[in-house]
N, C-alpha and C. Protein backbone atom coordinates (compact mmCIF):
# COMPACT_ATOMS: atom_id res chain seq x y z
N MET A 1 133.33 138.71 147.70
CA MET A 1 133.04 139.49 148.61
C MET A 1 132.55 138.68 149.91
N SER A 2 132.84 139.36 151.12
CA SER A 2 132.74 139.11 152.70
C SER A 2 132.49 140.08 153.31
N GLY A 3 131.66 139.40 154.42
CA GLY A 3 131.27 140.53 155.14
C GLY A 3 130.23 139.58 156.02
N LEU A 4 129.23 140.57 157.02
CA LEU A 4 128.35 139.97 157.82
C LEU A 4 127.28 139.76 157.22
N ILE A 5 126.33 139.08 157.28
CA ILE A 5 124.85 139.20 156.72
C ILE A 5 123.88 138.99 157.74
N GLY A 6 123.22 139.82 158.29
CA GLY A 6 122.19 139.50 159.38
C GLY A 6 120.69 140.15 158.63
N ASP A 7 119.76 140.14 159.55
CA ASP A 7 118.29 140.42 159.26
C ASP A 7 117.95 141.88 159.16
N ASN A 8 117.09 142.78 158.86
CA ASN A 8 116.66 144.08 158.81
C ASN A 8 116.89 144.75 160.07
N THR A 9 117.08 144.21 161.05
CA THR A 9 117.65 144.97 162.57
C THR A 9 118.91 144.94 162.53
N ALA A 10 119.55 144.05 162.03
CA ALA A 10 121.12 144.35 161.83
C ALA A 10 121.75 145.01 160.86
N ARG A 11 120.81 145.65 159.69
CA ARG A 11 120.91 146.48 158.91
C ARG A 11 121.20 147.77 159.24
N ALA A 12 120.47 148.02 160.07
CA ALA A 12 120.60 149.34 160.87
C ALA A 12 122.06 149.86 161.64
N SER A 13 122.65 148.65 161.93
CA SER A 13 123.97 148.65 162.55
C SER A 13 125.06 148.60 161.59
N GLY A 14 124.76 148.53 160.23
CA GLY A 14 125.69 148.73 159.18
C GLY A 14 125.96 147.35 158.71
N VAL A 15 125.53 146.01 159.43
CA VAL A 15 125.58 144.74 158.82
C VAL A 15 124.78 144.74 157.38
N ILE A 16 125.41 143.98 156.26
CA ILE A 16 124.43 143.86 155.26
C ILE A 16 123.05 142.71 155.49
N ALA A 17 122.09 143.47 155.14
CA ALA A 17 120.70 142.28 155.08
C ALA A 17 121.05 141.24 154.61
N SER A 18 120.55 139.99 154.90
CA SER A 18 120.13 138.68 154.56
C SER A 18 118.64 139.01 153.29
N ALA A 19 119.04 137.86 152.45
CA ALA A 19 118.14 137.80 151.24
C ALA A 19 116.95 137.03 151.93
N GLY A 20 115.98 137.76 152.21
CA GLY A 20 114.69 137.02 152.85
C GLY A 20 113.74 137.98 152.84
N GLY A 21 112.20 137.40 152.44
CA GLY A 21 111.08 137.96 152.29
C GLY A 21 111.03 138.46 151.36
N GLY A 22 111.58 138.03 150.16
CA GLY A 22 111.62 138.60 148.86
C GLY A 22 110.14 138.72 148.10
N THR A 23 110.18 138.94 147.02
CA THR A 23 108.87 139.30 146.07
C THR A 23 108.19 137.89 145.69
N ILE A 24 108.84 137.15 145.44
CA ILE A 24 108.39 135.90 144.76
C ILE A 24 107.86 135.06 145.87
N LEU A 25 106.84 134.52 145.95
CA LEU A 25 106.29 133.51 147.25
C LEU A 25 106.05 132.26 146.94
N SER A 26 105.97 131.84 145.84
CA SER A 26 105.77 130.67 145.05
C SER A 26 105.67 130.40 143.57
N ALA A 27 106.07 129.31 143.14
CA ALA A 27 105.92 129.10 141.96
C ALA A 27 105.92 127.54 141.29
N LYS A 28 105.39 127.30 140.52
CA LYS A 28 104.62 126.03 139.90
C LYS A 28 104.94 126.04 138.42
N SER A 29 105.52 124.71 138.09
CA SER A 29 105.89 124.82 136.72
C SER A 29 105.41 123.49 136.09
N LEU A 30 105.11 123.32 134.88
CA LEU A 30 104.83 121.80 134.04
C LEU A 30 105.73 121.91 132.75
N ALA A 31 106.40 120.59 132.50
CA ALA A 31 106.66 120.58 130.95
C ALA A 31 105.98 119.62 130.47
N PHE A 32 105.77 120.07 129.18
CA PHE A 32 105.01 119.12 128.18
C PHE A 32 106.15 118.69 127.16
N LYS A 33 106.38 117.52 127.04
CA LYS A 33 107.33 116.82 126.27
C LYS A 33 106.60 116.10 125.10
N GLY A 34 105.27 115.97 125.18
CA GLY A 34 104.79 115.20 124.16
C GLY A 34 104.25 116.28 122.76
N VAL A 35 103.61 115.64 121.96
CA VAL A 35 102.97 116.60 120.87
C VAL A 35 101.75 116.56 120.86
N LEU A 36 101.21 117.49 120.57
CA LEU A 36 99.60 117.89 119.98
C LEU A 36 99.17 118.59 118.93
N SER A 37 98.02 118.41 118.69
CA SER A 37 97.42 119.00 117.50
C SER A 37 95.90 119.12 117.97
N ASN A 38 95.45 120.32 117.18
CA ASN A 38 94.15 120.71 117.32
C ASN A 38 93.77 121.45 116.26
N SER A 39 92.51 121.00 115.69
CA SER A 39 91.61 121.47 114.51
C SER A 39 90.48 122.16 115.18
N GLY A 40 90.22 123.23 114.36
CA GLY A 40 88.90 123.66 114.83
C GLY A 40 88.81 125.33 114.71
N SER A 41 87.44 125.74 114.96
CA SER A 41 87.57 127.18 114.32
C SER A 41 87.78 128.21 115.63
N ALA A 42 87.72 128.00 116.69
CA ALA A 42 88.04 128.46 117.92
C ALA A 42 88.78 127.70 118.83
N PRO A 43 89.81 128.50 119.69
CA PRO A 43 90.30 127.75 120.71
C PRO A 43 89.59 126.89 121.33
N ALA A 44 90.74 125.59 121.88
CA ALA A 44 89.92 124.74 122.63
C ALA A 44 90.92 124.33 123.87
N GLN A 45 90.36 123.85 124.96
CA GLN A 45 91.27 123.51 126.02
C GLN A 45 92.60 122.53 125.49
N LEU A 46 93.66 123.03 125.91
CA LEU A 46 94.69 122.20 125.57
C LEU A 46 94.94 121.62 127.13
N ASN A 47 94.73 120.42 127.23
CA ASN A 47 94.47 119.33 128.33
C ASN A 47 95.82 119.20 128.89
N ASP A 48 97.00 119.18 128.15
CA ASP A 48 98.36 118.87 128.38
C ASP A 48 99.21 120.06 129.41
N PHE A 49 98.19 121.15 129.37
CA PHE A 49 98.85 122.02 130.25
C PHE A 49 97.73 122.67 131.40
N ASN A 50 96.87 121.43 131.88
CA ASN A 50 96.17 121.77 133.11
C ASN A 50 97.19 121.48 134.19
N MET A 51 97.03 122.64 135.29
CA MET A 51 97.52 122.87 136.49
C MET A 51 96.72 123.13 137.41
N SER A 52 97.03 122.88 138.69
CA SER A 52 96.14 123.23 139.88
C SER A 52 97.18 124.12 140.53
N PHE A 53 96.89 125.23 140.91
CA PHE A 53 97.69 126.25 141.75
C PHE A 53 97.08 126.87 142.89
N ALA A 54 97.57 126.72 144.28
CA ALA A 54 96.95 127.36 145.36
C ALA A 54 97.85 128.52 145.96
N PRO A 55 97.42 129.60 145.67
CA PRO A 55 98.51 130.73 145.98
C PRO A 55 98.55 130.76 147.78
N THR A 56 99.74 131.35 148.07
CA THR A 56 99.85 131.45 149.47
C THR A 56 99.09 132.55 150.40
N THR A 57 99.03 133.27 149.29
CA THR A 57 98.33 134.55 150.26
C THR A 57 96.95 134.93 149.28
N SER A 58 95.92 135.53 149.67
CA SER A 58 94.87 136.02 149.15
C SER A 58 94.94 137.47 148.45
N ASP A 59 96.02 138.00 148.82
CA ASP A 59 96.53 139.43 147.78
C ASP A 59 97.51 139.22 147.20
N GLY A 60 98.11 138.15 146.98
CA GLY A 60 99.18 137.94 145.83
C GLY A 60 98.74 138.20 144.40
N LYS A 61 99.71 138.31 143.52
CA LYS A 61 99.66 138.61 142.22
C LYS A 61 100.27 137.35 141.39
N LEU A 62 99.51 136.63 140.47
CA LEU A 62 100.32 135.54 139.66
C LEU A 62 100.59 136.13 138.62
N TYR A 63 101.61 135.68 138.06
CA TYR A 63 102.21 135.66 136.57
C TYR A 63 102.34 134.36 135.92
N PHE A 64 101.57 134.49 134.62
CA PHE A 64 101.43 133.21 134.12
C PHE A 64 102.10 133.31 133.03
N GLN A 65 103.04 132.33 132.66
CA GLN A 65 103.94 132.37 131.46
C GLN A 65 104.01 130.94 130.73
N ALA A 66 103.71 131.12 129.49
CA ALA A 66 103.87 130.06 128.58
C ALA A 66 104.99 129.84 127.60
N CYS A 67 105.64 128.91 127.12
CA CYS A 67 106.87 129.21 126.47
C CYS A 67 106.36 127.83 125.66
N LEU A 68 106.02 128.02 124.37
CA LEU A 68 105.63 126.86 123.37
C LEU A 68 106.85 126.73 122.80
N GLY A 69 107.53 125.43 122.72
CA GLY A 69 108.66 125.33 121.96
C GLY A 69 108.70 125.39 120.78
N SER A 70 107.49 124.67 120.06
CA SER A 70 107.35 125.20 118.46
C SER A 70 105.64 124.94 118.22
N VAL A 71 105.21 125.81 117.58
CA VAL A 71 103.69 126.01 116.89
C VAL A 71 103.95 125.92 115.39
N GLY A 72 103.44 124.83 115.06
CA GLY A 72 103.28 124.63 113.18
C GLY A 72 101.93 124.52 112.89
N GLY A 73 101.70 124.37 111.77
CA GLY A 73 100.37 124.21 111.18
C GLY A 73 100.37 123.46 109.97
N SER A 74 99.36 122.93 109.45
CA SER A 74 98.95 122.01 108.16
C SER A 74 99.28 123.12 107.08
N THR A 75 99.19 124.29 107.15
CA THR A 75 99.20 125.30 105.89
C THR A 75 99.60 126.70 106.60
N THR A 76 99.45 127.75 105.50
CA THR A 76 99.60 128.96 106.26
C THR A 76 98.47 129.14 107.42
N VAL A 77 98.59 129.32 108.45
CA VAL A 77 97.74 129.01 109.63
C VAL A 77 97.86 130.12 110.70
N GLU A 78 96.93 130.53 111.01
CA GLU A 78 96.64 131.64 112.36
C GLU A 78 96.44 130.78 113.64
N THR A 79 97.15 130.73 114.50
CA THR A 79 96.97 130.13 115.87
C THR A 79 96.76 131.23 116.87
N ALA A 80 95.74 131.20 118.11
CA ALA A 80 95.57 131.75 118.89
C ALA A 80 95.39 131.28 120.24
N PHE A 81 95.79 132.30 121.38
CA PHE A 81 95.72 131.53 122.69
C PHE A 81 95.18 132.30 123.81
N TYR A 82 95.02 131.75 124.88
CA TYR A 82 94.69 132.32 125.96
C TYR A 82 94.96 131.42 127.34
N PHE A 83 95.07 132.16 128.41
CA PHE A 83 94.88 131.38 129.52
C PHE A 83 93.73 131.38 130.22
N TYR A 84 93.19 130.25 131.06
CA TYR A 84 91.74 130.15 131.27
C TYR A 84 91.94 129.33 132.66
N ASP A 85 91.02 130.01 133.48
CA ASP A 85 90.71 129.70 134.95
C ASP A 85 89.44 128.52 134.66
N VAL A 86 89.74 127.44 134.84
CA VAL A 86 88.81 126.20 134.66
C VAL A 86 87.77 126.16 135.70
N THR A 87 88.32 126.39 137.11
CA THR A 87 87.46 126.42 138.11
C THR A 87 86.24 127.50 138.14
N ASN A 88 86.72 128.80 137.84
CA ASN A 88 85.58 129.74 137.38
C ASN A 88 84.99 130.17 136.12
N THR A 89 85.58 129.31 135.26
CA THR A 89 85.35 129.55 133.69
C THR A 89 85.28 130.74 133.43
N THR A 90 86.63 131.44 133.24
CA THR A 90 86.72 132.74 133.01
C THR A 90 88.21 132.88 132.26
N ILE A 91 88.39 133.65 131.13
CA ILE A 91 89.62 133.86 130.55
C ILE A 91 90.64 134.69 131.66
N ILE A 92 91.84 134.46 131.51
CA ILE A 92 92.92 135.29 132.52
C ILE A 92 93.51 136.16 131.82
N GLY A 93 93.68 137.59 132.45
CA GLY A 93 94.63 138.35 131.86
C GLY A 93 93.82 139.05 130.91
N ALA A 94 94.75 139.70 130.04
CA ALA A 94 94.52 140.51 129.02
C ALA A 94 94.04 139.83 127.75
N TYR A 95 92.93 140.64 127.36
CA TYR A 95 92.53 139.56 126.16
C TYR A 95 91.64 140.97 125.74
N ALA A 96 91.22 140.54 124.18
CA ALA A 96 90.83 141.78 122.97
C ALA A 96 89.38 142.12 123.49
N ASP A 97 89.02 143.18 123.19
CA ASP A 97 87.68 143.93 123.77
C ASP A 97 86.83 143.48 122.73
N SER A 98 85.72 143.50 122.97
CA SER A 98 84.39 142.98 122.15
C SER A 98 84.54 143.76 120.92
N HIS A 99 84.47 143.21 119.65
CA HIS A 99 84.56 143.81 118.32
C HIS A 99 83.26 142.99 117.20
N GLY A 100 82.07 143.05 117.59
CA GLY A 100 81.11 142.52 116.60
C GLY A 100 81.40 141.09 116.93
N SER A 101 81.27 140.04 115.99
CA SER A 101 81.56 138.48 116.17
C SER A 101 82.79 137.84 116.58
N ARG A 102 83.70 138.78 116.43
CA ARG A 102 85.10 138.34 116.35
C ARG A 102 85.59 137.63 117.71
N LEU A 103 86.20 136.53 117.74
CA LEU A 103 86.76 136.04 118.83
C LEU A 103 87.70 137.00 119.59
N ARG A 104 87.78 136.65 120.89
CA ARG A 104 88.54 137.31 121.79
C ARG A 104 89.64 136.55 122.20
N VAL A 105 90.99 136.64 122.17
CA VAL A 105 92.13 136.26 122.54
C VAL A 105 93.33 137.04 122.85
N SER A 106 94.06 136.56 123.48
CA SER A 106 95.28 137.06 123.93
C SER A 106 96.48 137.32 123.30
N TRP A 107 96.81 136.19 122.51
CA TRP A 107 98.00 136.27 121.71
C TRP A 107 97.53 135.25 120.33
N LYS A 108 98.40 135.83 119.53
CA LYS A 108 98.15 135.30 117.81
C LYS A 108 99.59 134.97 117.68
N TYR A 109 99.67 133.90 116.90
CA TYR A 109 100.93 133.59 115.99
C TYR A 109 100.66 132.97 114.45
N THR A 110 101.31 133.63 113.50
CA THR A 110 101.13 133.33 112.17
C THR A 110 102.08 132.17 111.78
N VAL A 111 101.85 130.93 111.22
CA VAL A 111 102.45 130.14 110.49
C VAL A 111 102.75 130.49 109.09
N ASN A 112 103.59 131.05 108.46
CA ASN A 112 103.60 131.52 107.16
C ASN A 112 103.53 130.48 105.71
N THR A 113 104.05 129.41 106.22
CA THR A 113 104.18 128.44 104.92
C THR A 113 104.05 127.07 105.79
N GLU A 114 103.51 125.89 104.91
CA GLU A 114 103.10 124.73 105.33
C GLU A 114 104.53 123.97 105.86
N GLY A 115 104.33 123.62 107.07
CA GLY A 115 105.04 122.99 107.74
C GLY A 115 105.95 123.68 108.41
N ASP A 116 105.89 125.13 108.49
CA ASP A 116 106.95 126.02 109.14
C ASP A 116 106.27 126.00 110.92
N ASN A 117 107.42 125.90 111.56
CA ASN A 117 107.16 126.32 113.13
C ASN A 117 107.87 127.51 113.68
N GLY A 118 107.29 127.90 114.80
CA GLY A 118 108.07 128.97 115.65
C GLY A 118 107.77 128.79 116.89
N GLY A 119 108.83 129.16 118.08
CA GLY A 119 108.35 129.18 119.49
C GLY A 119 107.55 130.37 119.83
N VAL A 120 106.55 130.12 120.68
CA VAL A 120 105.65 131.03 121.18
C VAL A 120 105.72 131.40 122.47
N SER A 121 105.72 132.70 122.94
CA SER A 121 106.09 132.75 124.60
C SER A 121 105.23 133.89 124.74
N PHE A 122 104.06 133.52 125.62
CA PHE A 122 103.24 134.69 126.27
C PHE A 122 103.01 134.57 127.49
N GLY A 123 102.56 135.93 128.24
CA GLY A 123 102.42 135.87 129.89
C GLY A 123 101.23 136.90 130.13
N CYS A 124 100.81 136.77 131.25
CA CYS A 124 99.80 137.68 131.97
C CYS A 124 99.63 137.94 133.42
N TRP A 125 99.24 138.84 133.89
CA TRP A 125 98.81 138.84 135.39
C TRP A 125 97.59 138.32 135.56
N HIS A 126 97.47 138.21 137.12
CA HIS A 126 96.02 137.65 137.59
C HIS A 126 95.95 137.95 139.22
N GLU A 127 94.83 138.38 139.54
CA GLU A 127 94.91 138.53 141.04
C GLU A 127 93.53 137.38 141.23
N PRO A 128 93.81 136.49 141.89
CA PRO A 128 92.95 135.39 142.13
C PRO A 128 92.16 135.65 143.46
N GLY A 129 92.67 136.45 144.34
CA GLY A 129 91.98 137.04 145.49
C GLY A 129 91.34 135.77 146.59
N THR A 130 92.57 134.83 146.38
CA THR A 130 92.10 133.63 147.35
C THR A 130 93.12 132.93 147.54
N THR A 131 93.08 131.80 148.67
CA THR A 131 94.23 130.83 148.54
C THR A 131 93.66 129.28 148.27
N SER A 132 92.50 129.18 147.77
CA SER A 132 92.18 127.99 147.33
C SER A 132 92.70 127.89 146.13
N SER A 133 92.91 126.51 146.04
CA SER A 133 93.39 125.75 144.80
C SER A 133 92.25 126.16 143.59
N ILE A 134 93.02 126.49 142.38
CA ILE A 134 92.29 126.75 141.20
C ILE A 134 92.87 126.14 139.97
N ASP A 135 92.32 125.57 139.10
CA ASP A 135 92.56 124.69 138.10
C ASP A 135 92.82 125.87 137.05
N TYR A 136 93.94 125.73 136.29
CA TYR A 136 94.23 126.56 135.19
C TYR A 136 94.56 125.80 133.83
N THR A 137 94.57 126.62 133.00
CA THR A 137 94.99 125.73 131.47
C THR A 137 95.06 126.75 130.55
N ILE A 138 95.44 126.32 129.50
CA ILE A 138 95.88 127.20 128.02
C ILE A 138 94.87 126.55 126.92
N PHE A 139 93.99 127.80 126.40
CA PHE A 139 93.57 127.37 125.51
C PHE A 139 94.10 127.73 124.10
N GLY A 140 93.90 126.97 122.90
CA GLY A 140 94.59 127.39 121.70
C GLY A 140 93.72 126.46 120.60
N GLY A 141 94.10 127.52 119.56
CA GLY A 141 93.34 126.80 118.44
C GLY A 141 94.14 127.44 116.81
N ALA A 142 93.49 126.95 115.91
CA ALA A 142 93.92 127.57 114.61
C ALA A 142 92.49 128.11 113.76
N ASN A 143 93.15 128.76 112.97
CA ASN A 143 91.75 128.94 111.87
C ASN A 143 91.17 127.94 111.30
N ALA A 144 89.99 128.12 111.18
CA ALA A 144 88.79 126.86 110.35
C ALA A 144 89.86 126.35 109.60
N GLY A 145 89.36 124.99 109.42
CA GLY A 145 90.01 124.11 108.34
C GLY A 145 91.59 123.80 108.45
N ASP A 146 91.87 124.04 109.38
CA ASP A 146 93.41 123.99 109.79
C ASP A 146 93.59 123.37 110.79
N THR A 147 95.09 122.86 110.95
CA THR A 147 95.28 122.05 112.19
C THR A 147 96.60 122.89 112.74
N MET A 148 96.51 123.13 114.05
CA MET A 148 97.82 123.60 115.02
C MET A 148 98.64 122.64 115.45
N TYR A 149 99.74 122.35 115.53
CA TYR A 149 100.43 121.47 116.26
C TYR A 149 101.21 122.28 117.06
N ILE A 150 101.81 121.43 118.39
CA ILE A 150 102.55 122.03 119.53
C ILE A 150 103.65 121.11 119.53
N ASN A 151 105.06 121.20 119.55
CA ASN A 151 106.21 120.56 119.86
C ASN A 151 106.66 119.87 118.46
N LYS A 152 106.00 119.91 117.58
CA LYS A 152 106.44 119.17 116.26
C LYS A 152 105.78 120.15 114.92
N ASN A 153 106.58 119.60 113.88
CA ASN A 153 105.75 120.36 112.55
C ASN A 153 104.83 119.29 112.11
N HIS A 154 104.36 120.05 110.72
CA HIS A 154 103.23 119.15 110.22
C HIS A 154 103.70 117.96 109.57
N TYR A 155 105.04 117.86 109.00
CA TYR A 155 105.19 116.76 108.38
C TYR A 155 105.97 115.61 109.41
N ASN A 156 106.62 115.92 110.48
CA ASN A 156 106.76 114.90 111.33
C ASN A 156 107.66 113.75 110.87
N TYR A 157 108.36 114.08 109.77
CA TYR A 157 109.33 113.00 109.55
C TYR A 157 110.04 112.31 110.71
N ASP A 158 110.62 111.36 110.33
CA ASP A 158 111.55 110.65 111.57
C ASP A 158 112.83 110.46 110.85
N ASN A 159 113.59 111.62 110.95
CA ASN A 159 114.98 111.95 110.65
C ASN A 159 115.79 112.77 111.55
N THR A 160 117.00 112.77 111.16
CA THR A 160 117.84 113.47 112.15
C THR A 160 118.15 115.03 111.82
N ASN A 161 117.34 115.21 111.29
CA ASN A 161 117.03 116.88 110.59
C ASN A 161 116.47 117.98 111.71
N ILE A 162 117.18 119.25 111.87
CA ILE A 162 116.50 120.14 112.69
C ILE A 162 115.28 120.18 112.54
N ASP A 163 114.93 120.44 111.35
CA ASP A 163 113.43 120.74 111.23
C ASP A 163 112.29 119.46 111.33
N SER A 164 112.84 118.47 111.85
CA SER A 164 112.09 117.54 112.17
C SER A 164 112.14 117.26 113.58
N ALA A 165 112.95 118.04 114.29
CA ALA A 165 112.87 117.62 115.93
C ALA A 165 111.81 118.39 116.63
N HIS A 166 111.47 117.47 117.68
CA HIS A 166 110.36 117.56 118.28
C HIS A 166 110.99 118.43 119.53
N THR A 167 110.18 119.27 120.22
CA THR A 167 110.56 120.43 121.30
C THR A 167 109.77 120.04 122.61
N ALA A 168 110.26 120.94 123.44
CA ALA A 168 109.06 120.80 124.83
C ALA A 168 108.59 122.24 125.32
N SER A 169 107.58 122.03 125.77
CA SER A 169 106.76 123.18 126.30
C SER A 169 106.80 123.66 127.71
N THR A 170 106.54 124.70 128.17
CA THR A 170 106.30 124.82 129.61
C THR A 170 105.40 125.73 129.94
N PHE A 171 104.62 125.74 130.96
CA PHE A 171 103.63 126.43 131.58
C PHE A 171 104.15 126.67 133.18
N THR A 172 103.93 128.03 133.24
CA THR A 172 104.74 128.29 134.84
C THR A 172 104.00 129.32 135.41
N ILE A 173 103.28 129.30 136.68
CA ILE A 173 102.58 130.14 137.39
C ILE A 173 103.83 130.57 138.50
N THR A 174 103.83 131.91 138.62
CA THR A 174 104.66 132.41 139.70
C THR A 174 103.82 133.55 140.46
N GLU A 175 103.63 133.36 141.82
CA GLU A 175 103.13 134.39 142.73
C GLU A 175 104.16 134.89 143.52
N TYR A 176 103.78 136.53 143.37
CA TYR A 176 104.47 137.65 143.90
C TYR A 176 103.57 138.13 145.02
N ALA A 177 104.33 138.81 145.93
CA ALA A 177 103.77 139.46 147.05
C ALA A 177 103.05 140.79 146.58
N ALA A 178 101.94 141.12 147.19
CA ALA A 178 101.06 142.03 146.79
C ALA A 178 101.81 143.54 146.52
N ASP A 179 102.62 143.88 147.39
CA ASP A 179 103.24 145.28 147.38
C ASP A 179 104.55 145.08 146.08
N ALA A 180 104.78 143.97 145.74
CA ALA A 180 105.75 143.92 144.73
C ALA A 180 105.37 144.14 143.21
N VAL A 181 104.20 144.15 142.91
CA VAL A 181 103.44 144.57 141.67
C VAL A 181 102.41 145.25 141.66
N THR A 182 102.39 146.53 140.94
CA THR A 182 101.03 147.46 140.61
C THR A 182 100.56 147.08 139.33
N LEU A 183 99.44 146.65 139.39
CA LEU A 183 98.43 146.34 138.06
C LEU A 183 97.82 147.35 137.74
N THR A 184 97.85 148.16 136.61
CA THR A 184 96.96 149.39 136.27
C THR A 184 95.83 148.55 135.26
């Protein structure tokens, strides 16, 4: 395709508008290539996913996305996760309503058999209302008496089999212009 490209003023004269001022304002991503485990009856801070982020506008909307390469357990295990604002000590995004003494989390994943793994991906929206840098992280955990593993399986054999492969995980924050996203 060929043709002239211009700004919005030029578009009125029939010239194709250039791609500018889009909806994504900034983004930051980290890759965690190591392995970790967490034992406990409640989600705990997964420090390998700590990230500071400073929005460019105070009215922008942030999209958080976690892609955990593999999540495994020591037995049949339930795992649970949520994003967390460390600076303001609050859970980010959608999480369950209060129901008795039940934990309130955003996402769960079940490992059906010992040593099993599966990739877990989850995301949510957040409106921080500031341009100040905020520290964010991911909390995760397994049901009592079990251990959750990220980026490896329970057995962790040192061989060339696919089921012993280690994976990588990512945590990404993308800032969108306020008028690009409507949250209800």
